[in-house]
Amino acid sequence: MRTRFAVTWFAVQSLAVAGWWLLLAVKTDARALFVLPDAPLVTLGAFAPGDLLLVSFGSAVVAMRRGTGWTGPLSWMVTGAMMYGAMYTATIAFVRDGPFLSAILMVPAALLTLGSAAALSRDGSVNDLRTGSAA
């Protein structure tokens, strides 16, 4: 059950992140909701390559492979990227007084990713990289 939820979460996250960046590319005025008022809008775009490659594509691979084999370490890499993004947005929101929407979206998503990676590891879906056997 935990594995099914974890795999589903990685699939949803993959689509959500790709969709979010597509929305920002198409509806450029929405970018202002996620950038500090005094920061240039291009600062948000600096996160796009990492989000699309590590989070969206990485989550898709974990979901397609159902968190088995070598995708276990990949799920933790995606988790690291999500935790970094969540900590960054939360810090900016509280230290600079906004934008809170970024933190409101990122923190729960990062925690779900953390729980999902942990569930895949606990359920033994992940292979031990040293021996190639189930952990």
N, C-alpha and C. Protein backbone atom coordinates (compact mmCIF):
# COMPACT_ATOMS: atom_id res chain seq x y z
N MET A 1 0.82 -1.20 0.00
CA MET A 1 0.00 0.00 0.00
C MET A 1 0.87 1.27 0.00
N ARG A 2 1.91 1.26 0.86
CA ARG A 2 2.79 2.43 0.90
C ARG A 2 3.51 2.60 -0.42
N THR A 3 3.93 1.47 -1.02
CA THR A 3 4.63 1.55 -2.30
C THR A 3 3.72 2.12 -3.38
N ARG A 4 2.47 1.69 -3.39
CA ARG A 4 1.53 2.20 -4.40
C ARG A 4 1.34 3.70 -4.25
N PHE A 5 1.17 4.17 -3.00
CA PHE A 5 1.03 5.60 -2.78
C PHE A 5 2.29 6.34 -3.23
N ALA A 6 3.46 5.81 -2.86
CA ALA A 6 4.73 6.47 -3.21
C ALA A 6 4.89 6.58 -4.72
N VAL A 7 4.62 5.51 -5.42
CA VAL A 7 4.75 5.52 -6.88
C VAL A 7 3.75 6.50 -7.50
N THR A 8 2.53 6.49 -6.97
CA THR A 8 1.52 7.43 -7.45
C THR A 8 1.94 8.86 -7.19
N TRP A 9 2.51 9.12 -6.00
CA TRP A 9 2.96 10.47 -5.69
C TRP A 9 4.03 10.93 -6.67
N PHE A 10 5.01 10.07 -6.96
CA PHE A 10 6.07 10.46 -7.90
C PHE A 10 5.48 10.74 -9.29
N ALA A 11 4.48 9.99 -9.71
CA ALA A 11 3.84 10.24 -11.01
C ALA A 11 3.11 11.58 -11.00
N VAL A 12 2.34 11.84 -9.95
CA VAL A 12 1.61 13.11 -9.83
C VAL A 12 2.58 14.28 -9.79
N GLN A 13 3.65 14.11 -9.01
CA GLN A 13 4.65 15.18 -8.89
C GLN A 13 5.30 15.48 -10.24
N SER A 14 5.60 14.45 -11.00
CA SER A 14 6.21 14.64 -12.31
C SER A 14 5.32 15.49 -13.21
N LEU A 15 4.06 15.14 -13.26
CA LEU A 15 3.11 15.88 -14.10
C LEU A 15 2.87 17.29 -13.57
N ALA A 16 2.76 17.42 -12.25
CA ALA A 16 2.49 18.73 -11.66
C ALA A 16 3.63 19.71 -11.90
N VAL A 17 4.86 19.24 -11.73
CA VAL A 17 6.01 20.13 -11.93
C VAL A 17 6.13 20.55 -13.39
N ALA A 18 5.99 19.59 -14.30
CA ALA A 18 6.05 19.92 -15.73
C ALA A 18 4.90 20.87 -16.10
N GLY A 19 3.72 20.60 -15.58
CA GLY A 19 2.57 21.46 -15.86
C GLY A 19 2.74 22.86 -15.29
N TRP A 20 3.34 22.94 -14.11
CA TRP A 20 3.56 24.24 -13.48
C TRP A 20 4.50 25.09 -14.32
N TRP A 21 5.60 24.49 -14.79
CA TRP A 21 6.53 25.25 -15.63
C TRP A 21 5.91 25.61 -16.97
N LEU A 22 5.08 24.73 -17.51
CA LEU A 22 4.38 25.05 -18.75
C LEU A 22 3.43 26.23 -18.54
N LEU A 23 2.72 26.21 -17.42
CA LEU A 23 1.83 27.33 -17.09
C LEU A 23 2.60 28.64 -17.00
N LEU A 24 3.76 28.61 -16.34
CA LEU A 24 4.56 29.83 -16.21
C LEU A 24 5.13 30.29 -17.55
N ALA A 25 5.39 29.35 -18.44
CA ALA A 25 5.90 29.71 -19.77
C ALA A 25 4.80 30.35 -20.62
N VAL A 26 3.58 29.85 -20.47
CA VAL A 26 2.46 30.34 -21.27
C VAL A 26 1.83 31.59 -20.66
N LYS A 27 1.66 31.59 -19.37
CA LYS A 27 0.99 32.70 -18.66
C LYS A 27 2.05 33.45 -17.85
N THR A 28 2.80 34.27 -18.53
CA THR A 28 3.96 34.93 -17.91
C THR A 28 3.60 35.84 -16.75
N ASP A 29 2.39 36.38 -16.73
CA ASP A 29 2.02 37.24 -15.60
C ASP A 29 1.86 36.45 -14.30
N ALA A 30 1.71 35.13 -14.37
CA ALA A 30 1.61 34.29 -13.17
C ALA A 30 2.94 34.19 -12.44
N ARG A 31 4.02 34.48 -13.13
CA ARG A 31 5.35 34.40 -12.50
C ARG A 31 5.48 35.34 -11.31
N ALA A 32 4.82 36.46 -11.37
CA ALA A 32 4.91 37.46 -10.31
C ALA A 32 4.44 36.91 -8.96
N LEU A 33 3.61 35.88 -8.98
CA LEU A 33 3.12 35.28 -7.73
C LEU A 33 4.22 34.50 -6.99
N PHE A 34 5.31 34.20 -7.69
CA PHE A 34 6.34 33.33 -7.12
C PHE A 34 7.70 33.98 -6.99
N VAL A 35 7.79 35.29 -7.27
CA VAL A 35 9.07 36.01 -7.21
C VAL A 35 8.92 37.17 -6.24
N LEU A 36 10.01 37.46 -5.54
CA LEU A 36 10.02 38.63 -4.65
C LEU A 36 9.72 39.89 -5.46
N PRO A 37 9.01 40.83 -4.87
CA PRO A 37 8.63 42.04 -5.61
C PRO A 37 9.82 42.80 -6.21
N ASP A 38 10.97 42.82 -5.53
CA ASP A 38 12.10 43.58 -6.03
C ASP A 38 13.08 42.74 -6.86
N ALA A 39 12.75 41.47 -7.10
CA ALA A 39 13.64 40.58 -7.85
C ALA A 39 13.19 40.52 -9.32
N PRO A 40 14.15 40.39 -10.23
CA PRO A 40 13.76 40.23 -11.63
C PRO A 40 13.07 38.89 -11.85
N LEU A 41 12.12 38.85 -12.78
CA LEU A 41 11.37 37.62 -13.04
C LEU A 41 12.25 36.47 -13.52
N VAL A 42 13.40 36.80 -14.12
CA VAL A 42 14.27 35.74 -14.63
C VAL A 42 14.88 34.90 -13.51
N THR A 43 14.86 35.41 -12.28
CA THR A 43 15.42 34.61 -11.18
C THR A 43 14.62 33.33 -10.99
N LEU A 44 13.34 33.37 -11.25
CA LEU A 44 12.51 32.17 -11.15
C LEU A 44 12.93 31.14 -12.20
N GLY A 45 13.24 31.62 -13.39
CA GLY A 45 13.63 30.72 -14.47
C GLY A 45 14.91 29.94 -14.20
N ALA A 46 15.72 30.42 -13.28
CA ALA A 46 16.96 29.70 -12.95
C ALA A 46 16.67 28.34 -12.33
N PHE A 47 15.48 28.17 -11.78
CA PHE A 47 15.11 26.89 -11.17
C PHE A 47 14.53 25.90 -12.18
N ALA A 48 14.18 26.36 -13.36
CA ALA A 48 13.52 25.50 -14.35
C ALA A 48 14.34 24.28 -14.76
N PRO A 49 15.61 24.42 -15.12
CA PRO A 49 16.34 23.22 -15.56
C PRO A 49 16.41 22.13 -14.47
N GLY A 50 16.71 22.53 -13.25
CA GLY A 50 16.77 21.56 -12.16
C GLY A 50 15.43 20.94 -11.86
N ASP A 51 14.39 21.76 -11.84
CA ASP A 51 13.05 21.24 -11.59
C ASP A 51 12.61 20.27 -12.67
N LEU A 52 12.84 20.64 -13.91
CA LEU A 52 12.39 19.79 -15.01
C LEU A 52 13.21 18.50 -15.11
N LEU A 53 14.51 18.62 -14.96
CA LEU A 53 15.35 17.42 -15.10
C LEU A 53 15.30 16.56 -13.84
N LEU A 54 15.62 17.13 -12.70
CA LEU A 54 15.70 16.32 -11.48
C LEU A 54 14.33 15.94 -10.93
N VAL A 55 13.46 16.91 -10.79
CA VAL A 55 12.19 16.64 -10.12
C VAL A 55 11.17 16.01 -11.08
N SER A 56 10.89 16.66 -12.20
CA SER A 56 9.86 16.14 -13.10
C SER A 56 10.30 14.84 -13.79
N PHE A 57 11.42 14.89 -14.48
CA PHE A 57 11.89 13.69 -15.19
C PHE A 57 12.29 12.59 -14.21
N GLY A 58 12.99 12.96 -13.14
CA GLY A 58 13.38 11.97 -12.13
C GLY A 58 12.18 11.30 -11.50
N SER A 59 11.16 12.08 -11.16
CA SER A 59 9.93 11.51 -10.59
C SER A 59 9.24 10.57 -11.57
N ALA A 60 9.24 10.96 -12.85
CA ALA A 60 8.61 10.11 -13.87
C ALA A 60 9.33 8.76 -13.97
N VAL A 61 10.64 8.78 -13.93
CA VAL A 61 11.40 7.53 -14.01
C VAL A 61 11.12 6.65 -12.79
N VAL A 62 11.11 7.25 -11.61
CA VAL A 62 10.81 6.48 -10.39
C VAL A 62 9.42 5.88 -10.50
N ALA A 63 8.45 6.65 -10.97
CA ALA A 63 7.07 6.15 -11.09
C ALA A 63 6.97 5.04 -12.13
N MET A 64 7.61 5.22 -13.28
CA MET A 64 7.52 4.21 -14.33
C MET A 64 8.19 2.90 -13.93
N ARG A 65 9.27 2.99 -13.19
CA ARG A 65 9.97 1.78 -12.75
C ARG A 65 9.42 1.28 -11.41
N ARG A 66 8.38 1.94 -10.94
CA ARG A 66 7.71 1.57 -9.69
C ARG A 66 8.65 1.54 -8.49
N GLY A 67 9.66 2.41 -8.53
CA GLY A 67 10.57 2.54 -7.40
C GLY A 67 11.47 1.34 -7.18
N THR A 68 11.65 0.51 -8.19
CA THR A 68 12.47 -0.69 -8.02
C THR A 68 13.88 -0.47 -8.52
N GLY A 69 14.79 -1.33 -8.06
CA GLY A 69 16.16 -1.32 -8.54
C GLY A 69 16.88 -0.02 -8.27
N TRP A 70 17.56 0.46 -9.27
CA TRP A 70 18.39 1.66 -9.13
C TRP A 70 17.58 2.94 -8.98
N THR A 71 16.27 2.87 -9.13
CA THR A 71 15.47 4.09 -8.98
C THR A 71 15.33 4.49 -7.51
N GLY A 72 15.70 3.62 -6.59
CA GLY A 72 15.69 4.00 -5.17
C GLY A 72 16.59 5.18 -4.89
N PRO A 73 17.86 5.09 -5.30
CA PRO A 73 18.73 6.27 -5.12
C PRO A 73 18.21 7.49 -5.89
N LEU A 74 17.60 7.28 -7.04
CA LEU A 74 17.04 8.39 -7.80
C LEU A 74 15.90 9.05 -7.01
N SER A 75 15.09 8.24 -6.33
CA SER A 75 14.00 8.82 -5.53
C SER A 75 14.56 9.70 -4.42
N TRP A 76 15.71 9.32 -3.86
CA TRP A 76 16.33 10.16 -2.82
C TRP A 76 16.97 11.41 -3.42
N MET A 77 17.46 11.33 -4.65
CA MET A 77 18.00 12.51 -5.32
C MET A 77 16.86 13.52 -5.59
N VAL A 78 15.72 13.00 -6.05
CA VAL A 78 14.55 13.86 -6.26
C VAL A 78 14.13 14.48 -4.93
N THR A 79 14.17 13.69 -3.87
CA THR A 79 13.82 14.20 -2.54
C THR A 79 14.75 15.33 -2.13
N GLY A 80 16.04 15.17 -2.38
CA GLY A 80 17.00 16.23 -2.05
C GLY A 80 16.69 17.51 -2.80
N ALA A 81 16.37 17.38 -4.08
CA ALA A 81 16.02 18.56 -4.87
C ALA A 81 14.76 19.24 -4.34
N MET A 82 13.79 18.43 -3.97
CA MET A 82 12.54 18.99 -3.43
C MET A 82 12.77 19.64 -2.07
N MET A 83 13.57 19.01 -1.22
CA MET A 83 13.83 19.59 0.11
C MET A 83 14.60 20.90 -0.03
N TYR A 84 15.56 20.95 -0.96
CA TYR A 84 16.30 22.18 -1.19
C TYR A 84 15.35 23.29 -1.62
N GLY A 85 14.49 22.98 -2.59
CA GLY A 85 13.53 23.98 -3.06
C GLY A 85 12.58 24.43 -1.97
N ALA A 86 12.14 23.49 -1.15
CA ALA A 86 11.22 23.83 -0.06
C ALA A 86 11.90 24.72 0.98
N MET A 87 13.13 24.37 1.33
CA MET A 87 13.84 25.19 2.31
C MET A 87 14.13 26.58 1.75
N TYR A 88 14.49 26.65 0.49
CA TYR A 88 14.75 27.95 -0.14
C TYR A 88 13.50 28.82 -0.13
N THR A 89 12.38 28.25 -0.59
CA THR A 89 11.16 29.06 -0.67
C THR A 89 10.65 29.45 0.71
N ALA A 90 10.76 28.54 1.68
CA ALA A 90 10.31 28.85 3.04
C ALA A 90 11.19 29.94 3.65
N THR A 91 12.48 29.84 3.44
CA THR A 91 13.40 30.85 3.97
C THR A 91 13.12 32.21 3.36
N ILE A 92 12.98 32.26 2.05
CA ILE A 92 12.68 33.53 1.37
C ILE A 92 11.35 34.09 1.86
N ALA A 93 10.36 33.21 2.03
CA ALA A 93 9.04 33.68 2.46
C ALA A 93 9.09 34.32 3.84
N PHE A 94 9.84 33.74 4.75
CA PHE A 94 9.85 34.25 6.12
C PHE A 94 10.89 35.36 6.34
N VAL A 95 12.02 35.25 5.69
CA VAL A 95 13.06 36.27 5.88
C VAL A 95 12.73 37.53 5.10
N ARG A 96 12.22 37.37 3.90
CA ARG A 96 11.94 38.53 3.04
C ARG A 96 10.46 38.87 2.97
N ASP A 97 9.62 38.17 3.73
CA ASP A 97 8.18 38.44 3.78
C ASP A 97 7.50 38.21 2.43
N GLY A 98 7.73 37.04 1.86
CA GLY A 98 7.01 36.67 0.65
C GLY A 98 7.92 36.14 -0.42
N PRO A 99 7.44 35.55 -1.44
CA PRO A 99 6.06 35.15 -1.69
C PRO A 99 5.71 33.84 -0.95
N PHE A 100 4.67 33.87 -0.17
CA PHE A 100 4.30 32.72 0.64
C PHE A 100 3.72 31.57 -0.18
N LEU A 101 3.16 31.87 -1.34
CA LEU A 101 2.56 30.83 -2.16
C LEU A 101 3.58 29.76 -2.53
N SER A 102 4.81 30.17 -2.80
CA SER A 102 5.87 29.20 -3.13
C SER A 102 6.09 28.23 -1.98
N ALA A 103 6.19 28.76 -0.79
CA ALA A 103 6.41 27.90 0.38
C ALA A 103 5.20 27.02 0.66
N ILE A 104 4.01 27.57 0.49
CA ILE A 104 2.78 26.81 0.73
C ILE A 104 2.68 25.62 -0.21
N LEU A 105 3.17 25.77 -1.42
CA LEU A 105 3.14 24.67 -2.39
C LEU A 105 4.32 23.72 -2.22
N MET A 106 5.49 24.26 -1.95
CA MET A 106 6.70 23.44 -1.92
C MET A 106 6.87 22.59 -0.66
N VAL A 107 6.58 23.14 0.49
CA VAL A 107 6.84 22.40 1.74
C VAL A 107 6.02 21.11 1.83
N PRO A 108 4.71 21.13 1.62
CA PRO A 108 3.97 19.86 1.66
C PRO A 108 4.42 18.88 0.57
N ALA A 109 4.71 19.40 -0.62
CA ALA A 109 5.17 18.53 -1.70
C ALA A 109 6.50 17.86 -1.34
N ALA A 110 7.41 18.63 -0.76
CA ALA A 110 8.70 18.05 -0.36
C ALA A 110 8.53 17.01 0.73
N LEU A 111 7.63 17.26 1.67
CA LEU A 111 7.40 16.28 2.73
C LEU A 111 6.76 15.00 2.19
N LEU A 112 5.86 15.13 1.24
CA LEU A 112 5.28 13.95 0.59
C LEU A 112 6.34 13.17 -0.19
N THR A 113 7.25 13.89 -0.83
CA THR A 113 8.34 13.24 -1.56
C THR A 113 9.26 12.51 -0.60
N LEU A 114 9.58 13.14 0.51
CA LEU A 114 10.41 12.52 1.54
C LEU A 114 9.75 11.23 2.06
N GLY A 115 8.48 11.31 2.39
CA GLY A 115 7.76 10.13 2.86
C GLY A 115 7.67 9.04 1.81
N SER A 116 7.52 9.43 0.56
CA SER A 116 7.43 8.45 -0.52
C SER A 116 8.75 7.74 -0.76
N ALA A 117 9.85 8.48 -0.75
CA ALA A 117 11.16 7.85 -0.90
C ALA A 117 11.44 6.91 0.27
N ALA A 118 11.07 7.33 1.46
CA ALA A 118 11.26 6.49 2.64
C ALA A 118 10.41 5.22 2.53
N ALA A 119 9.18 5.36 2.04
CA ALA A 119 8.30 4.19 1.89
C ALA A 119 8.88 3.20 0.89
N LEU A 120 9.43 3.69 -0.20
CA LEU A 120 10.04 2.79 -1.18
C LEU A 120 11.23 2.07 -0.57
N SER A 121 12.00 2.76 0.24
CA SER A 121 13.16 2.14 0.89
C SER A 121 12.72 1.12 1.94
N ARG A 122 11.72 1.45 2.73
CA ARG A 122 11.23 0.54 3.79
C ARG A 122 10.60 -0.71 3.22
N ASP A 123 9.90 -0.56 2.10
CA ASP A 123 9.20 -1.70 1.54
C ASP A 123 10.12 -2.66 0.80
N GLY A 124 11.40 -2.34 0.75
CA GLY A 124 12.34 -3.24 0.10
C GLY A 124 12.29 -3.21 -1.41
N SER A 125 11.68 -2.19 -1.98
CA SER A 125 11.60 -2.08 -3.43
C SER A 125 12.95 -1.72 -4.03
N VAL A 126 13.81 -1.17 -3.20
CA VAL A 126 15.07 -0.63 -3.68
C VAL A 126 16.18 -1.65 -3.53
N ASN A 127 17.01 -1.75 -4.53
CA ASN A 127 18.17 -2.65 -4.45
C ASN A 127 19.32 -1.99 -3.73
N ASP A 128 20.07 -2.77 -3.03
CA ASP A 128 21.29 -2.30 -2.41
C ASP A 128 22.33 -2.15 -3.53
N LEU A 129 22.85 -0.96 -3.70
CA LEU A 129 23.78 -0.69 -4.81
C LEU A 129 25.07 -1.50 -4.70
N ARG A 130 25.46 -1.86 -3.49
CA ARG A 130 26.72 -2.60 -3.31
C ARG A 130 26.58 -4.05 -3.72
N THR A 131 25.43 -4.67 -3.41
CA THR A 131 25.30 -6.10 -3.67
C THR A 131 24.36 -6.42 -4.79
N GLY A 132 23.50 -5.46 -5.15
CA GLY A 132 22.52 -5.71 -6.19
C GLY A 132 21.32 -6.50 -5.69
N SER A 133 21.26 -6.76 -4.40
CA SER A 133 20.15 -7.50 -3.84
C SER A 133 19.15 -6.55 -3.21
N ALA A 134 17.96 -7.07 -2.94
CA ALA A 134 16.94 -6.24 -2.33
C ALA A 134 17.37 -5.84 -0.94
N ALA A 135 17.13 -4.57 -0.61
CA ALA A 135 17.54 -4.05 0.71
C ALA A 135 16.58 -4.48 1.79
